[in-house]
PDB file of N, CA and C in Angstrom:
ATOM      1  N   MET A   1     -39.488  24.054  -3.420  1.00  0.00           N
ATOM      2  CA  MET A   1     -37.801  24.938  -4.555  1.00  0.00           C
ATOM      3  C   MET A   1     -36.852  25.208  -4.043  1.00  0.00           C
ATOM      4  N   ILE A   2     -36.173  25.921  -3.343  1.00  0.00           N
ATOM      5  CA  ILE A   2     -35.315  25.433  -3.152  1.00  0.00           C
ATOM      6  C   ILE A   2     -34.322  23.488  -2.778  1.00  0.00           C
ATOM      7  N   ARG A   3     -35.931  23.254  -2.878  1.00  0.00           N
ATOM      8  CA  ARG A   3     -35.154  21.635  -1.920  1.00  0.00           C
ATOM      9  C   ARG A   3     -35.561  20.326  -4.236  1.00  0.00           C
ATOM     10  N   ARG A   4     -36.091  21.527  -4.186  1.00  0.00           N
ATOM     11  CA  ARG A   4     -35.732  21.313  -6.382  1.00  0.00           C
ATOM     12  C   ARG A   4     -34.471  20.754  -6.466  1.00  0.00           C
ATOM     13  N   LEU A   5     -34.310  22.203  -5.701  1.00  0.00           N
ATOM     14  CA  LEU A   5     -32.655  22.872  -6.770  1.00  0.00           C
ATOM     15  C   LEU A   5     -31.364  22.144  -6.004  1.00  0.00           C
ATOM     16  N   LEU A   6     -31.759  21.745  -4.812  1.00  0.00           N
ATOM     17  CA  LEU A   6     -31.084  21.833  -3.894  1.00  0.00           C
ATOM     18  C   LEU A   6     -30.484  19.648  -4.396  1.00  0.00           C
ATOM     19  N   ILE A   7     -32.241  18.919  -4.471  1.00  0.00           N
ATOM     20  CA  ILE A   7     -31.900  17.692  -5.569  1.00  0.00           C
ATOM     21  C   ILE A   7     -30.448  17.628  -6.078  1.00  0.00           C
ATOM     22  N   ARG A   8     -31.139  19.052  -7.136  1.00  0.00           N
ATOM     23  CA  ARG A   8     -30.791  18.085  -8.412  1.00  0.00           C
ATOM     24  C   ARG A   8     -29.405  19.118  -8.769  1.00  0.00           C
ATOM     25  N   LEU A   9     -28.738  19.726  -7.477  1.00  0.00           N
ATOM     26  CA  LEU A   9     -27.432  20.004  -7.809  1.00  0.00           C
ATOM     27  C   LEU A   9     -26.645  18.118  -7.254  1.00  0.00           C
ATOM     28  N   LEU A  10     -27.364  17.814  -6.893  1.00  0.00           N
ATOM     29  CA  LEU A  10     -26.870  16.414  -5.666  1.00  0.00           C
ATOM     30  C   LEU A  10     -27.161  16.114  -7.429  1.00  0.00           C
ATOM     31  N   ILE A  11     -28.277  15.898  -7.542  1.00  0.00           N
ATOM     32  CA  ILE A  11     -27.836  15.102  -9.128  1.00  0.00           C
ATOM     33  C   ILE A  11     -26.460  15.063 -10.080  1.00  0.00           C
ATOM     34  N   ILE A  12     -25.883  16.083 -10.369  1.00  0.00           N
ATOM     35  CA  ILE A  12     -25.258  16.890 -10.850  1.00  0.00           C
ATOM     36  C   ILE A  12     -24.179  16.441  -9.827  1.00  0.00           C
ATOM     37  N   LEU A  13     -23.999  16.280  -8.354  1.00  0.00           N
ATOM     38  CA  LEU A  13     -22.467  15.783  -8.266  1.00  0.00           C
ATOM     39  C   LEU A  13     -22.203  14.551  -8.070  1.00  0.00           C
ATOM     40  N   LEU A  14     -23.161  14.225  -7.582  1.00  0.00           N
ATOM     41  CA  LEU A  14     -22.957  12.368  -8.462  1.00  0.00           C
ATOM     42  C   LEU A  14     -23.127  12.164  -9.441  1.00  0.00           C
ATOM     43  N   ALA A  15     -22.790  12.304 -10.361  1.00  0.00           N
ATOM     44  CA  ALA A  15     -22.665  12.498 -12.128  1.00  0.00           C
ATOM     45  C   ALA A  15     -21.596  12.399 -12.117  1.00  0.00           C
ATOM     46  N   LEU A  16     -20.720  13.742 -11.560  1.00  0.00           N
ATOM     47  CA  LEU A  16     -19.434  14.791 -11.325  1.00  0.00           C
ATOM     48  C   LEU A  16     -18.986  13.222 -11.215  1.00  0.00           C
ATOM     49  N   LEU A  17     -19.243  12.199  -9.929  1.00  0.00           N
ATOM     50  CA  LEU A  17     -18.649  11.957  -9.386  1.00  0.00           C
ATOM     51  C   LEU A  17     -17.690  10.358 -10.266  1.00  0.00           C
ATOM     52  N   ALA A  18     -19.283  10.202 -10.419  1.00  0.00           N
ATOM     53  CA  ALA A  18     -19.032   8.859 -11.875  1.00  0.00           C
ATOM     54  C   ALA A  18     -18.723   9.068 -12.356  1.00  0.00           C
ATOM     55  N   VAL A  19     -18.265  10.197 -13.460  1.00  0.00           N
ATOM     56  CA  VAL A  19     -17.586  11.093 -14.401  1.00  0.00           C
ATOM     57  C   VAL A  19     -15.913  10.763 -14.528  1.00  0.00           C
ATOM     58  N   TRP A  20     -16.280  11.055 -12.617  1.00  0.00           N
ATOM     59  CA  TRP A  20     -14.624  11.570 -12.402  1.00  0.00           C
ATOM     60  C   TRP A  20     -13.730   9.651 -12.334  1.00  0.00           C
ATOM     61  N   THR A  21     -14.700   8.829 -11.701  1.00  0.00           N
ATOM     62  CA  THR A  21     -14.729   7.598 -11.328  1.00  0.00           C
ATOM     63  C   THR A  21     -14.458   6.386 -13.082  1.00  0.00           C
ATOM     64  N   TRP A  22     -14.963   6.509 -13.426  1.00  0.00           N
ATOM     65  CA  TRP A  22     -14.651   6.502 -14.978  1.00  0.00           C
ATOM     66  C   TRP A  22     -13.222   6.671 -15.634  1.00  0.00           C
ATOM     67  N   LEU A  23     -13.123   8.235 -15.437  1.00  0.00           N
ATOM     68  CA  LEU A  23     -11.715   8.735 -16.169  1.00  0.00           C
ATOM     69  C   LEU A  23     -10.614   8.425 -15.282  1.00  0.00           C
ATOM     70  N   ASN A  24     -11.125   7.611 -14.148  1.00  0.00           N
ATOM     71  CA  ASN A  24      -9.417   7.428 -12.958  1.00  0.00           C
ATOM     72  C   ASN A  24      -9.613   5.636 -13.000  1.00  0.00           C
ATOM     73  N   ARG A  25     -10.325   4.616 -13.523  1.00  0.00           N
ATOM     74  CA  ARG A  25     -10.712   3.754 -12.863  1.00  0.00           C
ATOM     75  C   ARG A  25      -9.402   2.361 -12.556  1.00  0.00           C
ATOM     76  N   GLU A  26      -8.115   3.464 -14.142  1.00  0.00           N
ATOM     77  CA  GLU A  26      -6.670   2.565 -14.233  1.00  0.00           C
ATOM     78  C   GLU A  26      -6.032   2.932 -12.750  1.00  0.00           C
ATOM     79  N   HIS A  27      -6.089   4.121 -12.117  1.00  0.00           N
ATOM     80  CA  HIS A  27      -6.141   4.184 -11.298  1.00  0.00           C
ATOM     81  C   HIS A  27      -6.170   3.680 -10.448  1.00  0.00           C
ATOM     82  N   LEU A  28      -7.155   3.806  -9.682  1.00  0.00           N
ATOM     83  CA  LEU A  28      -7.926   3.724  -8.548  1.00  0.00           C
ATOM     84  C   LEU A  28      -7.958   2.167  -8.245  1.00  0.00           C
ATOM     85  N   GLN A  29      -7.599   0.524  -9.404  1.00  0.00           N
ATOM     86  CA  GLN A  29      -8.251  -0.466  -9.358  1.00  0.00           C
ATOM     87  C   GLN A  29      -5.939  -0.322  -8.659  1.00  0.00           C
ATOM     88  N   ALA A  30      -5.637   0.477  -9.886  1.00  0.00           N
ATOM     89  CA  ALA A  30      -3.509   0.105  -8.442  1.00  0.00           C
ATOM     90  C   ALA A  30      -3.515   0.554  -7.464  1.00  0.00           C
ATOM     91  N   PHE A  31      -4.343   0.940  -7.319  1.00  0.00           N
ATOM     92  CA  PHE A  31      -4.388   1.846  -5.068  1.00  0.00           C
ATOM     93  C   PHE A  31      -4.307   1.012  -4.148  1.00  0.00           C
ATOM     94  N   PRO A  32      -4.905  -0.469  -4.260  1.00  0.00           N
ATOM     95  CA  PRO A  32      -4.467  -1.682  -2.573  1.00  0.00           C
ATOM     96  C   PRO A  32      -3.537  -1.759  -3.937  1.00  0.00           C
ATOM     97  N   GLY A  33      -2.189  -2.685  -4.410  1.00  0.00           N
ATOM     98  CA  GLY A  33      -1.013  -3.370  -4.259  1.00  0.00           C
ATOM     99  C   GLY A  33      -0.397  -1.835  -4.536  1.00  0.00           C
ATOM    100  N   ILE A  34      -0.616  -1.095  -4.078  1.00  0.00           N
ATOM    101  CA  ILE A  34       0.468   0.152  -3.895  1.00  0.00           C
ATOM    102  C   ILE A  34       0.870  -0.111  -2.588  1.00  0.00           C
ATOM    103  N   LEU A  35      -0.011   0.447  -1.657  1.00  0.00           N
ATOM    104  CA  LEU A  35       0.080   0.634   0.260  1.00  0.00           C
ATOM    105  C   LEU A  35       0.614  -0.481   0.565  1.00  0.00           C
ATOM    106  N   GLY A  36      -0.134  -1.880  -0.154  1.00  0.00           N
ATOM    107  CA  GLY A  36       1.153  -2.582   0.122  1.00  0.00           C
ATOM    108  C   GLY A  36       2.899  -2.631   0.263  1.00  0.00           C
ATOM    109  N   ALA A  37       3.289  -2.960  -1.504  1.00  0.00           N
ATOM    110  CA  ALA A  37       4.620  -2.044  -2.133  1.00  0.00           C
ATOM    111  C   ALA A  37       5.137  -1.369  -1.417  1.00  0.00           C
ATOM    112  N   TYR A  38       4.373  -0.348  -0.993  1.00  0.00           N
ATOM    113  CA  TYR A  38       5.756   1.094  -0.358  1.00  0.00           C
ATOM    114  C   TYR A  38       5.382   0.323   0.602  1.00  0.00           C
ATOM    115  N   THR A  39       4.696   0.014   1.932  1.00  0.00           N
ATOM    116  CA  THR A  39       5.026   0.106   3.592  1.00  0.00           C
ATOM    117  C   THR A  39       6.411  -2.243   3.316  1.00  0.00           C
ATOM    118  N   ALA A  40       5.957  -2.557   2.100  1.00  0.00           N
ATOM    119  CA  ALA A  40       6.878  -3.436   2.353  1.00  0.00           C
ATOM    120  C   ALA A  40       8.176  -3.125   1.965  1.00  0.00           C
ATOM    121  N   LYS A  41       8.097  -1.890   0.715  1.00  0.00           N
ATOM    122  CA  LYS A  41       9.735  -1.848   0.640  1.00  0.00           C
ATOM    123  C   LYS A  41      10.261  -1.307   1.663  1.00  0.00           C
ATOM    124  N   GLU A  42       9.407  -0.136   1.538  1.00  0.00           N
ATOM    125  CA  GLU A  42       9.913   1.020   2.452  1.00  0.00           C
ATOM    126  C   GLU A  42      10.604   0.363   3.857  1.00  0.00           C
ATOM    127  N   TYR A  43       9.299  -0.883   4.618  1.00  0.00           N
ATOM    128  CA  TYR A  43      10.220  -1.663   5.666  1.00  0.00           C
ATOM    129  C   TYR A  43      11.974  -1.712   5.787  1.00  0.00           C
ATOM    130  N   CYS A  44      11.011  -2.823   4.095  1.00  0.00           N
ATOM    131  CA  CYS A  44      13.010  -3.936   3.835  1.00  0.00           C
ATOM    132  C   CYS A  44      14.378  -2.619   3.827  1.00  0.00           C
ATOM    133  N   SER A  45      13.803  -1.524   2.927  1.00  0.00           N
ATOM    134  CA  SER A  45      14.608  -1.006   2.625  1.00  0.00           C
ATOM    135  C   SER A  45      15.276   0.044   4.271  1.00  0.00           C
ATOM    136  N   CYS A  46      14.720   0.299   5.197  1.00  0.00           N
ATOM    137  CA  CYS A  46      14.727   1.141   6.540  1.00  0.00           C
ATOM    138  C   CYS A  46      15.228  -0.499   6.877  1.00  0.00           C
ATOM    139  N   ARG A  47      14.642  -1.167   6.882  1.00  0.00           N
ATOM    140  CA  ARG A  47      15.562  -2.616   7.780  1.00  0.00           C
ATOM    141  C   ARG A  47      17.151  -2.982   7.282  1.00  0.00           C
ATOM    142  N   TYR A  48      16.284  -3.308   6.535  1.00  0.00           N
ATOM    143  CA  TYR A  48      17.603  -4.743   5.666  1.00  0.00           C
ATOM    144  C   TYR A  48      18.738  -3.475   5.360  1.00  0.00           C
ATOM    145  N   VAL A  49      18.501  -2.231   4.643  1.00  0.00           N
ATOM    146  CA  VAL A  49      20.285  -1.407   4.139  1.00  0.00           C
ATOM    147  C   VAL A  49      20.697  -0.695   4.848  1.00  0.00           C
ATOM    148  N   MET A  50      19.176   0.111   5.722  1.00  0.00           N
ATOM    149  CA  MET A  50      19.939   1.319   6.670  1.00  0.00           C
ATOM    150  C   MET A  50      19.895   0.070   8.216  1.00  0.00           C
ATOM    151  N   ASP A  51      19.538  -0.976   8.745  1.00  0.00           N
ATOM    152  CA  ASP A  51      20.422  -1.236   9.826  1.00  0.00           C
ATOM    153  C   ASP A  51      19.739  -0.932  11.008  1.00  0.00           C
ATOM    154  N   ASN A  52      18.416  -0.117  10.609  1.00  0.00           N
ATOM    155  CA  ASN A  52      17.384   0.437  11.012  1.00  0.00           C
ATOM    156  C   ASN A  52      17.157  -0.680  12.591  1.00  0.00           C
ATOM    157  N   PRO A  53      16.909  -0.196  13.781  1.00  0.00           N
ATOM    158  CA  PRO A  53      16.217  -1.299  14.214  1.00  0.00           C
ATOM    159  C   PRO A  53      14.707  -0.990  13.791  1.00  0.00           C
ATOM    160  N   GLU A  54      14.324  -2.479  14.454  1.00  0.00           N
ATOM    161  CA  GLU A  54      12.649  -3.007  14.037  1.00  0.00           C
ATOM    162  C   GLU A  54      11.406  -1.261  14.722  1.00  0.00           C
ATOM    163  N   GLN A  55      11.799  -1.184  15.922  1.00  0.00           N
ATOM    164  CA  GLN A  55      10.699  -0.534  16.045  1.00  0.00           C
ATOM    165  C   GLN A  55      11.254   0.824  14.756  1.00  0.00           C
ATOM    166  N   TYR A  56      11.656   1.614  14.963  1.00  0.00           N
ATOM    167  CA  TYR A  56      12.227   2.969  14.038  1.00  0.00           C
ATOM    168  C   TYR A  56      11.433   1.759  12.417  1.00  0.00           C
ATOM    169  N   CYS A  57      10.890   1.212  11.884  1.00  0.00           N
ATOM    170  CA  CYS A  57      11.289   1.464  10.927  1.00  0.00           C
ATOM    171  C   CYS A  57      10.066   1.098  10.548  1.00  0.00           C
ATOM    172  N   VAL A  58       9.257   0.276  11.672  1.00  0.00           N
ATOM    173  CA  VAL A  58       7.711   0.460  11.484  1.00  0.00           C
ATOM    174  C   VAL A  58       7.712   1.936  11.527  1.00  0.00           C
ATOM    175  N   GLY A  59       7.187   2.754  13.223  1.00  0.00           N
ATOM    176  CA  GLY A  59       7.131   4.215  12.501  1.00  0.00           C
ATOM    177  C   GLY A  59       7.475   4.942  11.744  1.00  0.00           C
ATOM    178  N   TYR A  60       8.459   4.521  10.576  1.00  0.00           N
ATOM    179  CA  TYR A  60       9.283   4.689   9.373  1.00  0.00           C
ATOM    180  C   TYR A  60       7.872   4.145   8.025  1.00  0.00           C
ATOM    181  N   ALA A  61       7.894   3.340   8.109  1.00  0.00           N
ATOM    182  CA  ALA A  61       6.605   2.443   7.210  1.00  0.00           C
ATOM    183  C   ALA A  61       5.246   3.447   7.611  1.00  0.00           C
ATOM    184  N   LYS A  62       4.800   3.820   8.644  1.00  0.00           N
ATOM    185  CA  LYS A  62       3.699   3.604   9.358  1.00  0.00           C
ATOM    186  C   LYS A  62       3.335   4.320   7.603  1.00  0.00           C
ATOM    187  N   GLN A  63       1.713   3.289   7.335  1.00  0.00           N
ATOM    188  CA  GLN A  63       0.710   4.409   6.131  1.00  0.00           C
ATOM    189  C   GLN A  63      -0.499   5.615   6.835  1.00  0.00           C
ATOM    190  N   TYR A  64      -0.536   6.230   5.824  1.00  0.00           N
ATOM    191  CA  TYR A  64      -2.339   5.990   6.560  1.00  0.00           C
ATOM    192  C   TYR A  64      -3.121   5.795   7.291  1.00  0.00           C
ATOM    193  N   LEU A  65      -3.696   4.906   5.925  1.00  0.00           N
ATOM    194  CA  LEU A  65      -4.293   3.992   5.928  1.00  0.00           C
ATOM    195  C   LEU A  65      -3.956   2.286   6.901  1.00  0.00           C
ATOM    196  N   PRO A  66      -4.790   1.495   7.796  1.00  0.00           N
ATOM    197  CA  PRO A  66      -4.354   0.640   8.245  1.00  0.00           C
ATOM    198  C   PRO A  66      -3.583  -0.394   7.519  1.00  0.00           C
ATOM    199  N   LEU A  67      -2.503  -1.431   7.942  1.00  0.00           N
ATOM    200  CA  LEU A  67      -1.961  -2.951   7.167  1.00  0.00           C
ATOM    201  C   LEU A  67      -3.063  -3.897   7.724  1.00  0.00           C
ATOM    202  N   SER A  68      -3.181  -4.401   6.932  1.00  0.00           N
ATOM    203  CA  SER A  68      -4.646  -5.157   7.874  1.00  0.00           C
ATOM    204  C   SER A  68      -3.135  -6.806   8.076  1.00  0.00           C
ATOM    205  N   GLY A  69      -2.131  -6.378   7.942  1.00  0.00           N
ATOM    206  CA  GLY A  69      -0.878  -7.947   7.598  1.00  0.00           C
ATOM    207  C   GLY A  69      -0.186  -7.682   7.065  1.00  0.00           C
ATOM    208  N   PHE A  70       0.938  -7.933   8.104  1.00  0.00           N
ATOM    209  CA  PHE A  70       2.894  -7.090   8.162  1.00  0.00           C
ATOM    210  C   PHE A  70       3.400  -8.489   8.997  1.00  0.00           C
ATOM    211  N   PHE A  71       4.578  -9.185   8.243  1.00  0.00           N
ATOM    212  CA  PHE A  71       5.414  -9.784   8.521  1.00  0.00           C
ATOM    213  C   PHE A  71       6.725  -9.513   8.013  1.00  0.00           C
ATOM    214  N   ASP A  72       8.015 -10.056   8.875  1.00  0.00           N
ATOM    215  CA  ASP A  72       9.683  -9.706   8.632  1.00  0.00           C
ATOM    216  C   ASP A  72       9.924 -10.514   8.727  1.00  0.00           C
ATOM    217  N   ASP A  73      10.043 -11.511   7.544  1.00  0.00           N
ATOM    218  CA  ASP A  73      11.018 -12.762   7.565  1.00  0.00           C
ATOM    219  C   ASP A  73      12.091 -12.519   8.142  1.00  0.00           C
ATOM    220  N   VAL A  74      13.263 -12.389   9.047  1.00  0.00           N
ATOM    221  CA  VAL A  74      14.321 -11.856  10.060  1.00  0.00           C
ATOM    222  C   VAL A  74      15.545 -12.923   8.210  1.00  0.00           C
ATOM    223  N   ALA A  75      14.905 -14.284   8.953  1.00  0.00           N
ATOM    224  CA  ALA A  75      15.718 -15.129   8.248  1.00  0.00           C
ATOM    225  C   ALA A  75      16.136 -14.645   7.279  1.00  0.00           C
ATOM    226  N   ASN A  76      14.705 -14.677   6.221  1.00  0.00           N
ATOM    227  CA  ASN A  76      15.075 -14.304   4.273  1.00  0.00           C
ATOM    228  C   ASN A  76      14.938 -13.153   3.919  1.00  0.00           C
ATOM    229  N   LYS A  77      15.205 -12.532   5.090  1.00  0.00           N
ATOM    230  CA  LYS A  77      15.690 -10.834   4.827  1.00  0.00           C
ATOM    231  C   LYS A  77      13.594 -10.491   3.871  1.00  0.00           C
ATOM    232  N   ARG A  78      12.803 -10.966   4.326  1.00  0.00           N
ATOM    233  CA  ARG A  78      11.644 -10.847   3.450  1.00  0.00           C
ATOM    234  C   ARG A  78      11.065  -9.916   3.741  1.00  0.00           C
ATOM    235  N   VAL A  79      10.009  -8.911   3.806  1.00  0.00           N
ATOM    236  CA  VAL A  79       9.101  -8.025   3.656  1.00  0.00           C
ATOM    237  C   VAL A  79       7.792  -8.421   3.044  1.00  0.00           C
ATOM    238  N   THR A  80       6.838  -8.779   3.687  1.00  0.00           N
ATOM    239  CA  THR A  80       5.366  -9.617   3.146  1.00  0.00           C
ATOM    240  C   THR A  80       4.305  -8.697   4.163  1.00  0.00           C
ATOM    241  N   ALA A  81       3.560  -7.123   3.647  1.00  0.00           N
ATOM    242  CA  ALA A  81       2.606  -5.762   4.310  1.00  0.00           C
ATOM    243  C   ALA A  81       0.426  -6.553   2.854  1.00  0.00           C
ATOM    244  N   ARG A  82       0.231  -6.337   3.762  1.00  0.00           N
ATOM    245  CA  ARG A  82      -1.183  -6.410   3.124  1.00  0.00           C
ATOM    246  C   ARG A  82      -1.924  -4.579   3.401  1.00  0.00           C
ATOM    247  N   ALA A  83      -2.297  -4.798   2.725  1.00  0.00           N
ATOM    248  CA  ALA A  83      -2.885  -3.434   2.372  1.00  0.00           C
ATOM    249  C   ALA A  83      -4.613  -4.116   1.528  1.00  0.00           C
ATOM    250  N   LEU A  84      -5.790  -3.564   1.860  1.00  0.00           N
ATOM    251  CA  LEU A  84      -6.940  -2.959   1.502  1.00  0.00           C
ATOM    252  C   LEU A  84      -6.833  -4.480   0.307  1.00  0.00           C
ATOM    253  N   GLY A  85      -6.896  -5.863   1.488  1.00  0.00           N
ATOM    254  CA  GLY A  85      -6.970  -7.650   0.237  1.00  0.00           C
ATOM    255  C   GLY A  85      -5.562  -7.706  -0.786  1.00  0.00           C
ATOM    256  N   SER A  86      -4.411  -7.306  -0.847  1.00  0.00           N
ATOM    257  CA  SER A  86      -3.721  -7.160  -1.666  1.00  0.00           C
ATOM    258  C   SER A  86      -2.349  -7.754  -0.914  1.00  0.00           C
ATOM    259  N   SER A  87      -1.788  -8.091  -1.051  1.00  0.00           N
ATOM    260  CA  SER A  87       0.375  -8.706  -0.256  1.00  0.00           C
ATOM    261  C   SER A  87       0.841  -8.402  -1.680  1.00  0.00           C
ATOM    262  N   GLN A  88       1.184  -8.386  -0.796  1.00  0.00           N
ATOM    263  CA  GLN A  88       2.961  -7.776  -1.419  1.00  0.00           C
ATOM    264  C   GLN A  88       4.559  -7.837  -0.728  1.00  0.00           C
ATOM    265  N   SER A  89       5.476  -8.246  -0.796  1.00  0.00           N
ATOM    266  CA  SER A  89       6.910  -8.303  -0.350  1.00  0.00           C
ATOM    267  C   SER A  89       7.768  -7.690  -1.546  1.00  0.00           C
ATOM    268  N   ALA A  90       8.084  -8.128  -0.687  1.00  0.00           N
ATOM    269  CA  ALA A  90      10.198  -6.958  -0.108  1.00  0.00           C
ATOM    270  C   ALA A  90      11.673  -7.896   0.271  1.00  0.00           C
ATOM    271  N   GLN A  91      12.351  -7.939  -0.594  1.00  0.00           N
ATOM    272  CA  GLN A  91      13.532  -8.730  -0.497  1.00  0.00           C
ATOM    273  C   GLN A  91      14.626  -8.849  -0.252  1.00  0.00           C
ATOM    274  N   TRP A  92      15.750  -8.403   0.286  1.00  0.00           N
ATOM    275  CA  TRP A  92      16.997  -7.804   0.443  1.00  0.00           C
ATOM    276  C   TRP A  92      17.741  -9.119  -0.199  1.00  0.00           C
ATOM    277  N   LEU A  93      17.997  -8.121  -1.471  1.00  0.00           N
ATOM    278  CA  LEU A  93      19.053  -9.222  -1.913  1.00  0.00           C
ATOM    279  C   LEU A  93      20.537  -9.046  -2.087  1.00  0.00           C
ATOM    280  N   GLY A  94      21.589  -8.464  -1.497  1.00  0.00           N
ATOM    281  CA  GLY A  94      22.893  -8.225  -1.510  1.00  0.00           C
ATOM    282  C   GLY A  94      22.790  -6.121  -1.538  1.00  0.00           C
ATOM    283  N   PRO A  95      23.954  -6.426  -1.244  1.00  0.00           N
ATOM    284  CA  PRO A  95      24.718  -4.517  -0.770  1.00  0.00           C
ATOM    285  C   PRO A  95      24.916  -3.370  -2.024  1.00  0.00           C
ATOM    286  N   ARG A  96      24.720  -4.385  -3.246  1.00  0.00           N
ATOM    287  CA  ARG A  96      24.837  -4.094  -4.207  1.00  0.00           C
ATOM    288  C   ARG A  96      23.387  -3.673  -4.882  1.00  0.00           C
ATOM    289  N   GLN A  97      22.789  -4.307  -4.758  1.00  0.00           N
ATOM    290  CA  GLN A  97      20.814  -4.426  -4.517  1.00  0.00           C
ATOM    291  C   GLN A  97      19.596  -3.882  -4.225  1.00  0.00           C
ATOM    292  N   GLY A  98      20.240  -3.614  -2.990  1.00  0.00           N
ATOM    293  CA  GLY A  98      19.410  -3.950  -1.322  1.00  0.00           C
ATOM    294  C   GLY A  98      18.117  -4.666  -1.945  1.00  0.00           C
ATOM    295  N   CYS A  99      16.891  -3.693  -1.563  1.00  0.00           N
ATOM    296  CA  CYS A  99      16.099  -4.869  -1.959  1.00  0.00           C
ATOM    297  C   CYS A  99      14.587  -4.527  -2.767  1.00  0.00           C
ATOM    298  N   GLN A 100      14.508  -5.510  -3.180  1.00  0.00           N
ATOM    299  CA  GLN A 100      13.089  -4.887  -3.770  1.00  0.00           C
ATOM    300  C   GLN A 100      11.939  -5.737  -4.362  1.00  0.00           C
ATOM    301  N   LEU A 101      11.196  -5.589  -4.451  1.00  0.00           N
ATOM    302  CA  LEU A 101       9.467  -5.727  -4.368  1.00  0.00           C
ATOM    303  C   LEU A 101       9.775  -7.092  -6.042  1.00  0.00           C
ATOM    304  N   LEU A 102       9.237  -8.207  -5.044  1.00  0.00           N
ATOM    305  CA  LEU A 102       8.914  -9.220  -5.418  1.00  0.00           C
ATOM    306  C   LEU A 102       8.789  -9.352  -6.464  1.00  0.00           C
ATOM    307  N   PRO A 103       7.336 -10.529  -7.749  1.00  0.00           N
ATOM    308  CA  PRO A 103       6.548 -10.620  -8.650  1.00  0.00           C
ATOM    309  C   PRO A 103       5.136 -10.771  -7.487  1.00  0.00           C
ATOM    310  N   GLN A 104       6.173 -11.719  -7.215  1.00  0.00           N
ATOM    311  CA  GLN A 104       5.372 -12.604  -5.680  1.00  0.00           C
ATOM    312  C   GLN A 104       4.826 -12.841  -4.343  1.00  0.00           C
ATOM    313  N   ALA A 105       4.165 -12.187  -3.901  1.00  0.00           N
ATOM    314  CA  ALA A 105       4.392 -12.824  -2.681  1.00  0.00           C
ATOM    315  C   ALA A 105       4.018 -13.285  -2.428  1.00  0.00           C
ATOM    316  N   ALA A 106       4.833 -13.193  -0.741  1.00  0.00           N
ATOM    317  CA  ALA A 106       5.062 -14.465   0.270  1.00  0.00           C
ATOM    318  C   ALA A 106       4.050 -14.400   1.386  1.00  0.00           C
ATOM    319  N   ASP A 107       3.228 -15.338   1.207  1.00  0.00           N
ATOM    320  CA  ASP A 107       1.866 -15.811   2.561  1.00  0.00           C
ATOM    321  C   ASP A 107       3.298 -15.169   3.905  1.00  0.00           C
ATOM    322  N   LEU A 108       1.413 -14.963   4.440  1.00  0.00           N
ATOM    323  CA  LEU A 108       1.643 -14.052   5.692  1.00  0.00           C
ATOM    324  C   LEU A 108       0.958 -15.751   7.025  1.00  0.00           C
ATOM    325  N   PRO A 109       1.615 -15.207   7.572  1.00  0.00           N
ATOM    326  CA  PRO A 109       1.383 -17.069   8.658  1.00  0.00           C
ATOM    327  C   PRO A 109       0.373 -16.079   8.875  1.00  0.00           C
ATOM    328  N   GLU A 110      -0.519 -17.451   9.509  1.00  0.00           N
ATOM    329  CA  GLU A 110      -1.673 -17.232  10.295  1.00  0.00           C
ATOM    330  C   GLU A 110      -1.494 -16.924  11.608  1.00  0.00           C
TER     331      GLU A 110
END
């Protein structure tokens, strides 16, 4: 009897999880791009707008979920970060504009 109750409860919980996932599918699809974009933008702002040292900015922009790729192109003042399969780049445009996310991510070096 207790076993049946636990199985029913588990089925109900799985059904609720499936409904919640379906209702939030757009937000869940956007999540992988947000991680890389946030890291690239925050690191770029820390490094090139605020002129902080590299090691400080790495800690400042660090996320709970790890990045699978990161590159700081000092010559072009462009930062590219990859997380959960999505790459995003941010570039310093100047003292008045600061850093901005780029529509197309730059390639990460191998």
